[in-house]
Protein backbone atom coordinates (compact mmCIF):
# COMPACT_ATOMS: atom_id res chain seq x y z
CA MET A 1 -9.93 -8.10 -6.35
CA THR A 2 -8.40 -10.95 -4.35
CA ASP A 3 -8.13 -13.02 -7.53
CA ASP A 4 -6.45 -10.08 -9.27
CA LEU A 5 -3.89 -9.77 -6.48
CA ALA A 6 -3.26 -13.51 -6.46
CA SER A 7 -2.75 -13.40 -10.22
CA LEU A 8 -0.28 -10.54 -9.89
CA VAL A 9 1.65 -12.41 -7.18
CA ARG A 10 1.91 -15.44 -9.48
CA GLN A 11 3.05 -13.23 -12.35
CA ALA A 12 5.64 -11.56 -10.10
CA ARG A 13 7.29 -14.99 -9.82
CA ASP A 14 7.29 -15.53 -13.58
CA ASP A 15 10.48 -16.75 -15.25
CA ASP A 16 10.21 -13.88 -17.73
CA PRO A 17 11.77 -10.90 -15.92
CA LEU A 18 9.67 -8.36 -17.83
CA VAL A 19 6.43 -10.09 -16.86
CA ALA A 20 7.65 -10.29 -13.26
CA LEU A 21 8.65 -6.60 -13.22
CA GLN A 22 5.34 -5.46 -14.64
CA ALA A 23 3.43 -7.53 -12.10
CA THR A 24 5.62 -6.29 -9.24
CA THR A 25 4.99 -2.69 -10.27
CA ALA A 26 1.24 -3.30 -10.48
CA LEU A 27 1.32 -4.91 -7.02
CA ARG A 28 3.21 -1.96 -5.55
CA HIS A 29 0.65 0.50 -6.96
CA GLU A 30 -2.25 -1.55 -5.65
CA ILE A 31 -0.66 -1.88 -2.19
CA GLU A 32 -0.03 1.88 -2.07
CA ARG A 33 -3.65 2.52 -3.03
CA MET A 34 -4.88 0.09 -0.38
CA GLU A 35 -2.66 1.68 2.26
CA ALA A 36 -4.02 5.15 1.42
CA VAL A 37 -7.58 3.86 1.79
CA GLN A 38 -6.79 2.33 5.18
CA VAL A 39 -5.06 5.49 6.41
CA ARG A 40 -8.14 7.49 5.38
CA ARG A 41 -10.38 5.01 7.22
CA ALA A 42 -8.20 5.25 10.32
CA ARG A 43 -8.34 9.05 10.28
CA VAL A 44 -12.12 9.05 9.79
CA ALA A 45 -12.32 6.69 12.77
CA GLY A 46 -10.44 9.30 14.79
CA LEU A 47 -7.10 7.53 15.15
CA PRO A 48 -4.14 9.87 15.72
CA TRP A 49 -1.27 10.13 13.25
CA ALA A 50 1.12 8.58 15.78
CA GLN A 51 -0.95 5.40 16.04
CA ILE A 52 -1.31 5.13 12.27
CA ALA A 53 2.43 5.69 11.85
CA ASP A 54 3.16 2.94 14.35
CA ALA A 55 0.91 0.52 12.45
CA ILE A 56 2.70 1.31 9.18
CA GLY A 57 6.16 1.28 10.71
CA VAL A 58 7.17 4.86 9.92
CA SER A 59 7.47 8.10 11.86
CA LYS A 60 4.45 10.26 12.60
CA GLN A 61 6.00 12.98 10.45
CA ALA A 62 6.46 10.60 7.51
CA VAL A 63 2.88 9.35 7.53
CA HIS A 64 1.50 12.87 7.94
CA LYS A 65 3.67 14.16 5.09
CA LYS A 66 2.55 11.34 2.79
CA TYR A 67 -1.16 11.29 3.65
CA GLY A 68 -1.93 14.47 5.59
CA ARG A 69 -2.68 16.67 2.63
CA ARG A 70 -4.99 14.30 0.80
């Protein structure tokens, strides 16, 4: 997976704007997926929403709204 991410980062810097946009979109989706996995891991580990929110840099309400119902 690390090689895939590195490849997407390189493509996001491509001179062709369409290639760069596609890679940027793929990176965003992968980062969102990774964040969801880490939030789930944090909750399973017993961390409170407030601490998770602080780590992400959003409000407790925002993180709970985004991930609380999953």
